[in-house]
Amino acid sequence: PREGNMVISTTTKAMLVARTVNEACGGK
């Protein structure tokens, strides 16, 4: 529903977030 962009607009951006979180939390 956001018509500019959503905060996680692409799967590659989602991957970067996931990697960053996993580095902080440990594991995958």
PDB file of all heavy atoms in Angstrom:
ATOM      1  N   PRO A   1       0.772  -1.227   0.000  1.00  0.00           N
ATOM      2  CA  PRO A   1       0.000   0.000   0.000  1.00  0.00           C
ATOM      3  C   PRO A   1       0.812   1.292   0.000  1.00  0.00           C
ATOM      4  O   PRO A   1       0.278   2.347  -0.343  1.00  0.00           O
ATOM      5  CB  PRO A   1      -0.825  -0.105   1.277  1.00  0.00           C
ATOM      6  CG  PRO A   1       0.001  -0.954   2.186  1.00  0.00           C
ATOM      7  CD  PRO A   1       0.660  -1.952   1.285  1.00  0.00           C
ATOM      8  N   ARG A   2       2.059   1.283   0.418  1.00  0.00           N
ATOM      9  CA  ARG A   2       2.899   2.469   0.257  1.00  0.00           C
ATOM     10  C   ARG A   2       3.164   2.670  -1.231  1.00  0.00           C
ATOM     11  O   ARG A   2       3.575   1.747  -1.923  1.00  0.00           O
ATOM     12  CB  ARG A   2       4.222   2.295   1.013  1.00  0.00           C
ATOM     13  CG  ARG A   2       4.071   2.438   2.519  1.00  0.00           C
ATOM     14  CD  ARG A   2       3.666   3.845   2.911  1.00  0.00           C
ATOM     15  NE  ARG A   2       3.785   4.069   4.344  1.00  0.00           N
ATOM     16  CZ  ARG A   2       3.666   5.268   4.914  1.00  0.00           C
ATOM     17  NH1 ARG A   2       3.411   6.337   4.175  1.00  0.00           N
ATOM     18  NH2 ARG A   2       3.797   5.396   6.226  1.00  0.00           N
ATOM     19  N   GLU A   3       2.935   3.864  -1.739  1.00  0.00           N
ATOM     20  CA  GLU A   3       3.015   4.063  -3.184  1.00  0.00           C
ATOM     21  C   GLU A   3       4.307   4.716  -3.651  1.00  0.00           C
ATOM     22  O   GLU A   3       4.515   4.894  -4.848  1.00  0.00           O
ATOM     23  CB  GLU A   3       1.810   4.882  -3.679  1.00  0.00           C
ATOM     24  CG  GLU A   3       0.484   4.137  -3.558  1.00  0.00           C
ATOM     25  CD  GLU A   3       0.421   2.836  -4.362  1.00  0.00           C
ATOM     26  OE1 GLU A   3       1.344   2.572  -5.144  1.00  0.00           O
ATOM     27  OE2 GLU A   3      -0.553   2.083  -4.180  1.00  0.00           O
ATOM     28  N   GLY A   4       5.185   5.077  -2.716  1.00  0.00           N
ATOM     29  CA  GLY A   4       6.541   5.452  -3.112  1.00  0.00           C
ATOM     30  C   GLY A   4       7.338   4.158  -3.168  1.00  0.00           C
ATOM     31  O   GLY A   4       7.499   3.545  -4.220  1.00  0.00           O
ATOM     32  N   ASN A   5       7.806   3.732  -2.022  1.00  0.00           N
ATOM     33  CA  ASN A   5       8.429   2.421  -1.844  1.00  0.00           C
ATOM     34  C   ASN A   5       8.097   1.917  -0.456  1.00  0.00           C
ATOM     35  O   ASN A   5       7.850   2.704   0.469  1.00  0.00           O
ATOM     36  CB  ASN A   5       9.947   2.500  -1.966  1.00  0.00           C
ATOM     37  CG  ASN A   5      10.476   2.313  -3.384  1.00  0.00           C
ATOM     38  OD1 ASN A   5      11.647   2.522  -3.638  1.00  0.00           O
ATOM     39  ND2 ASN A   5       9.627   1.909  -4.316  1.00  0.00           N
ATOM     40  N   MET A   6       8.119   0.608  -0.300  1.00  0.00           N
ATOM     41  CA  MET A   6       8.116   0.025   1.027  1.00  0.00           C
ATOM     42  C   MET A   6       9.552  -0.002   1.539  1.00  0.00           C
ATOM     43  O   MET A   6      10.501   0.046   0.754  1.00  0.00           O
ATOM     44  CB  MET A   6       7.520  -1.384   0.986  1.00  0.00           C
ATOM     45  CG  MET A   6       6.010  -1.367   0.854  1.00  0.00           C
ATOM     46  SD  MET A   6       5.293  -2.999   0.564  1.00  0.00           S
ATOM     47  CE  MET A   6       6.118  -3.958   1.817  1.00  0.00           C
ATOM     48  N   VAL A   7       9.722  -0.087   2.844  1.00  0.00           N
ATOM     49  CA  VAL A   7      11.067  -0.016   3.423  1.00  0.00           C
ATOM     50  C   VAL A   7      11.954  -1.152   2.909  1.00  0.00           C
ATOM     51  O   VAL A   7      13.152  -0.966   2.712  1.00  0.00           O
ATOM     52  CB  VAL A   7      10.998  -0.005   4.969  1.00  0.00           C
ATOM     53  CG1 VAL A   7      10.432  -1.305   5.517  1.00  0.00           C
ATOM     54  CG2 VAL A   7      12.369   0.275   5.575  1.00  0.00           C
ATOM     55  N   ILE A   8      11.365  -2.320   2.675  1.00  0.00           N
ATOM     56  CA  ILE A   8      12.108  -3.443   2.084  1.00  0.00           C
ATOM     57  C   ILE A   8      11.525  -3.670   0.697  1.00  0.00           C
ATOM     58  O   ILE A   8      10.612  -4.476   0.500  1.00  0.00           O
ATOM     59  CB  ILE A   8      12.018  -4.707   2.962  1.00  0.00           C
ATOM     60  CG1 ILE A   8      12.544  -4.415   4.362  1.00  0.00           C
ATOM     61  CG2 ILE A   8      12.804  -5.857   2.337  1.00  0.00           C
ATOM     62  CD1 ILE A   8      14.011  -3.956   4.394  1.00  0.00           C
ATOM     63  N   SER A   9      12.048  -2.931  -0.254  1.00  0.00           N
ATOM     64  CA  SER A   9      11.454  -2.876  -1.594  1.00  0.00           C
ATOM     65  C   SER A   9      11.895  -4.016  -2.497  1.00  0.00           C
ATOM     66  O   SER A   9      11.193  -4.353  -3.450  1.00  0.00           O
ATOM     67  CB  SER A   9      11.798  -1.536  -2.257  1.00  0.00           C
ATOM     68  OG  SER A   9      13.197  -1.283  -2.157  1.00  0.00           O
ATOM     69  N   THR A  10      13.040  -4.597  -2.238  1.00  0.00           N
ATOM     70  CA  THR A  10      13.553  -5.671  -3.091  1.00  0.00           C
ATOM     71  C   THR A  10      14.069  -6.823  -2.233  1.00  0.00           C
ATOM     72  O   THR A  10      14.453  -6.636  -1.073  1.00  0.00           O
ATOM     73  CB  THR A  10      14.710  -5.179  -3.977  1.00  0.00           C
ATOM     74  OG1 THR A  10      15.846  -4.867  -3.160  1.00  0.00           O
ATOM     75  CG2 THR A  10      14.301  -3.945  -4.786  1.00  0.00           C
ATOM     76  N   THR A  11      14.129  -8.003  -2.823  1.00  0.00           N
ATOM     77  CA  THR A  11      14.621  -9.169  -2.097  1.00  0.00           C
ATOM     78  C   THR A  11      16.108  -9.053  -1.790  1.00  0.00           C
ATOM     79  O   THR A  11      16.564  -9.548  -0.751  1.00  0.00           O
ATOM     80  CB  THR A  11      14.319 -10.449  -2.893  1.00  0.00           C
ATOM     81  OG1 THR A  11      12.892 -10.572  -3.010  1.00  0.00           O
ATOM     82  CG2 THR A  11      14.865 -11.690  -2.200  1.00  0.00           C
ATOM     83  N   THR A  12      16.858  -8.389  -2.649  1.00  0.00           N
ATOM     84  CA  THR A  12      18.283  -8.202  -2.348  1.00  0.00           C
ATOM     85  C   THR A  12      18.461  -7.325  -1.107  1.00  0.00           C
ATOM     86  O   THR A  12      19.352  -7.578  -0.289  1.00  0.00           O
ATOM     87  CB  THR A  12      19.022  -7.597  -3.555  1.00  0.00           C
ATOM     88  OG1 THR A  12      18.259  -6.508  -4.098  1.00  0.00           O
ATOM     89  CG2 THR A  12      19.245  -8.619  -4.635  1.00  0.00           C
ATOM     90  N   LYS A  13      17.614  -6.312  -0.957  1.00  0.00           N
ATOM     91  CA  LYS A  13      17.668  -5.490   0.253  1.00  0.00           C
ATOM     92  C   LYS A  13      17.271  -6.323   1.471  1.00  0.00           C
ATOM     93  O   LYS A  13      17.883  -6.203   2.551  1.00  0.00           O
ATOM     94  CB  LYS A  13      16.754  -4.270   0.115  1.00  0.00           C
ATOM     95  CG  LYS A  13      16.909  -3.236   1.227  1.00  0.00           C
ATOM     96  CD  LYS A  13      16.078  -1.994   0.939  1.00  0.00           C
ATOM     97  CE  LYS A  13      16.287  -0.933   2.015  1.00  0.00           C
ATOM     98  NZ  LYS A  13      15.462   0.282   1.760  1.00  0.00           N
ATOM     99  N   ALA A  14      16.282  -7.185   1.303  1.00  0.00           N
ATOM    100  CA  ALA A  14      15.879  -8.084   2.390  1.00  0.00           C
ATOM    101  C   ALA A  14      17.032  -8.986   2.798  1.00  0.00           C
ATOM    102  O   ALA A  14      17.236  -9.263   3.988  1.00  0.00           O
ATOM    103  CB  ALA A  14      14.675  -8.915   1.960  1.00  0.00           C
ATOM    104  N   MET A  15      17.801  -9.452   1.813  1.00  0.00           N
ATOM    105  CA  MET A  15      18.956 -10.309   2.106  1.00  0.00           C
ATOM    106  C   MET A  15      20.001  -9.564   2.928  1.00  0.00           C
ATOM    107  O   MET A  15      20.602 -10.124   3.853  1.00  0.00           O
ATOM    108  CB  MET A  15      19.580 -10.817   0.809  1.00  0.00           C
ATOM    109  CG  MET A  15      18.745 -11.818   0.047  1.00  0.00           C
ATOM    110  SD  MET A  15      19.561 -12.271  -1.504  1.00  0.00           S
ATOM    111  CE  MET A  15      18.198 -13.002  -2.400  1.00  0.00           C
ATOM    112  N   LEU A  16      20.230  -8.300   2.597  1.00  0.00           N
ATOM    113  CA  LEU A  16      21.196  -7.509   3.362  1.00  0.00           C
ATOM    114  C   LEU A  16      20.756  -7.351   4.817  1.00  0.00           C
ATOM    115  O   LEU A  16      21.566  -7.454   5.738  1.00  0.00           O
ATOM    116  CB  LEU A  16      21.374  -6.126   2.712  1.00  0.00           C
ATOM    117  CG  LEU A  16      22.223  -6.065   1.451  1.00  0.00           C
ATOM    118  CD1 LEU A  16      22.124  -4.682   0.812  1.00  0.00           C
ATOM    119  CD2 LEU A  16      23.687  -6.382   1.766  1.00  0.00           C
ATOM    120  N   VAL A  17      19.447  -7.109   5.000  1.00  0.00           N
ATOM    121  CA  VAL A  17      18.923  -6.994   6.364  1.00  0.00           C
ATOM    122  C   VAL A  17      19.106  -8.318   7.110  1.00  0.00           C
ATOM    123  O   VAL A  17      19.560  -8.344   8.253  1.00  0.00           O
ATOM    124  CB  VAL A  17      17.431  -6.574   6.350  1.00  0.00           C
ATOM    125  CG1 VAL A  17      16.836  -6.653   7.754  1.00  0.00           C
ATOM    126  CG2 VAL A  17      17.285  -5.156   5.795  1.00  0.00           C
ATOM    127  N   ALA A  18      18.768  -9.433   6.447  1.00  0.00           N
ATOM    128  CA  ALA A  18      18.894 -10.741   7.085  1.00  0.00           C
ATOM    129  C   ALA A  18      20.338 -11.040   7.462  1.00  0.00           C
ATOM    130  O   ALA A  18      20.615 -11.538   8.568  1.00  0.00           O
ATOM    131  CB  ALA A  18      18.341 -11.827   6.164  1.00  0.00           C
ATOM    132  N   ARG A  19      21.268 -10.748   6.572  1.00  0.00           N
ATOM    133  CA  ARG A  19      22.691 -10.982   6.882  1.00  0.00           C
ATOM    134  C   ARG A  19      23.145 -10.141   8.060  1.00  0.00           C
ATOM    135  O   ARG A  19      23.877 -10.617   8.942  1.00  0.00           O
ATOM    136  CB  ARG A  19      23.565 -10.656   5.658  1.00  0.00           C
ATOM    137  CG  ARG A  19      23.591 -11.735   4.614  1.00  0.00           C
ATOM    138  CD  ARG A  19      24.740 -11.572   3.659  1.00  0.00           C
ATOM    139  NE  ARG A  19      26.027 -11.796   4.303  1.00  0.00           N
ATOM    140  CZ  ARG A  19      27.183 -11.871   3.655  1.00  0.00           C
ATOM    141  NH1 ARG A  19      27.210 -11.756   2.332  1.00  0.00           N
ATOM    142  NH2 ARG A  19      28.313 -12.082   4.291  1.00  0.00           N
ATOM    143  N   THR A  20      22.720  -8.888   8.074  1.00  0.00           N
ATOM    144  CA  THR A  20      23.101  -7.982   9.161  1.00  0.00           C
ATOM    145  C   THR A  20      22.560  -8.476  10.499  1.00  0.00           C
ATOM    146  O   THR A  20      23.258  -8.482  11.519  1.00  0.00           O
ATOM    147  CB  THR A  20      22.593  -6.559   8.873  1.00  0.00           C
ATOM    148  OG1 THR A  20      23.151  -6.100   7.637  1.00  0.00           O
ATOM    149  CG2 THR A  20      22.964  -5.592   9.979  1.00  0.00           C
ATOM    150  N   VAL A  21      21.294  -8.894  10.495  1.00  0.00           N
ATOM    151  CA  VAL A  21      20.675  -9.402  11.721  1.00  0.00           C
ATOM    152  C   VAL A  21      21.348 -10.695  12.170  1.00  0.00           C
ATOM    153  O   VAL A  21      21.621 -10.889  13.370  1.00  0.00           O
ATOM    154  CB  VAL A  21      19.160  -9.605  11.512  1.00  0.00           C
ATOM    155  CG1 VAL A  21      18.552 -10.395  12.672  1.00  0.00           C
ATOM    156  CG2 VAL A  21      18.460  -8.258  11.359  1.00  0.00           C
ATOM    157  N   ASN A  22      21.640 -11.581  11.234  1.00  0.00           N
ATOM    158  CA  ASN A  22      22.290 -12.845  11.594  1.00  0.00           C
ATOM    159  C   ASN A  22      23.690 -12.618  12.161  1.00  0.00           C
ATOM    160  O   ASN A  22      24.122 -13.339  13.072  1.00  0.00           O
ATOM    161  CB  ASN A  22      22.355 -13.773  10.376  1.00  0.00           C
ATOM    162  CG  ASN A  22      21.012 -14.410  10.060  1.00  0.00           C
ATOM    163  OD1 ASN A  22      20.167 -14.553  10.937  1.00  0.00           O
ATOM    164  ND2 ASN A  22      20.802 -14.779   8.815  1.00  0.00           N
ATOM    165  N   GLU A  23      24.402 -11.637  11.638  1.00  0.00           N
ATOM    166  CA  GLU A  23      25.717 -11.305  12.188  1.00  0.00           C
ATOM    167  C   GLU A  23      25.592 -10.821  13.632  1.00  0.00           C
ATOM    168  O   GLU A  23      26.431 -11.134  14.481  1.00  0.00           O
ATOM    169  CB  GLU A  23      26.391 -10.237  11.318  1.00  0.00           C
ATOM    170  CG  GLU A  23      26.892 -10.771   9.981  1.00  0.00           C
ATOM    171  CD  GLU A  23      27.305  -9.660   9.028  1.00  0.00           C
ATOM    172  OE1 GLU A  23      27.266  -8.472   9.446  1.00  0.00           O
ATOM    173  OE2 GLU A  23      27.652  -9.958   7.877  1.00  0.00           O
ATOM    174  N   ALA A  24      24.519 -10.060  13.904  1.00  0.00           N
ATOM    175  CA  ALA A  24      24.312  -9.538  15.257  1.00  0.00           C
ATOM    176  C   ALA A  24      23.835 -10.620  16.218  1.00  0.00           C
ATOM    177  O   ALA A  24      24.210 -10.624  17.397  1.00  0.00           O
ATOM    178  CB  ALA A  24      23.295  -8.396  15.217  1.00  0.00           C
ATOM    179  N   CYS A  25      23.020 -11.552  15.708  1.00  0.00           N
ATOM    180  CA  CYS A  25      22.412 -12.568  16.580  1.00  0.00           C
ATOM    181  C   CYS A  25      23.198 -13.875  16.601  1.00  0.00           C
ATOM    182  O   CYS A  25      22.988 -14.700  17.499  1.00  0.00           O
ATOM    183  CB  CYS A  25      20.975 -12.859  16.112  1.00  0.00           C
ATOM    184  SG  CYS A  25      19.860 -11.451  16.220  1.00  0.00           S
ATOM    185  N   GLY A  26      24.046 -14.083  15.619  1.00  0.00           N
ATOM    186  CA  GLY A  26      24.745 -15.352  15.482  1.00  0.00           C
ATOM    187  C   GLY A  26      23.881 -16.366  14.757  1.00  0.00           C
ATOM    188  O   GLY A  26      22.663 -16.381  14.895  1.00  0.00           O
ATOM    189  N   GLY A  27      24.514 -17.190  13.935  1.00  0.00           N
ATOM    190  CA  GLY A  27      23.772 -18.207  13.198  1.00  0.00           C
ATOM    191  C   GLY A  27      23.124 -17.657  11.940  1.00  0.00           C
ATOM    192  O   GLY A  27      23.406 -16.537  11.494  1.00  0.00           O
ATOM    193  N   LYS A  28      22.236 -18.458  11.374  1.00  0.00           N
ATOM    194  CA  LYS A  28      21.532 -18.075  10.141  1.00  0.00           C
ATOM    195  C   LYS A  28      20.041 -18.343  10.288  1.00  0.00           C
ATOM    196  O   LYS A  28      19.406 -18.940   9.420  1.00  0.00           O
ATOM    197  CB  LYS A  28      22.085 -18.865   8.947  1.00  0.00           C
ATOM    198  CG  LYS A  28      23.505 -18.495   8.563  1.00  0.00           C
ATOM    199  CD  LYS A  28      23.938 -19.229   7.302  1.00  0.00           C
ATOM    200  CE  LYS A  28      25.345 -18.814   6.887  1.00  0.00           C
ATOM    201  NZ  LYS A  28      25.777 -19.503   5.644  1.00  0.00           N
TER     202      LYS A  28
END
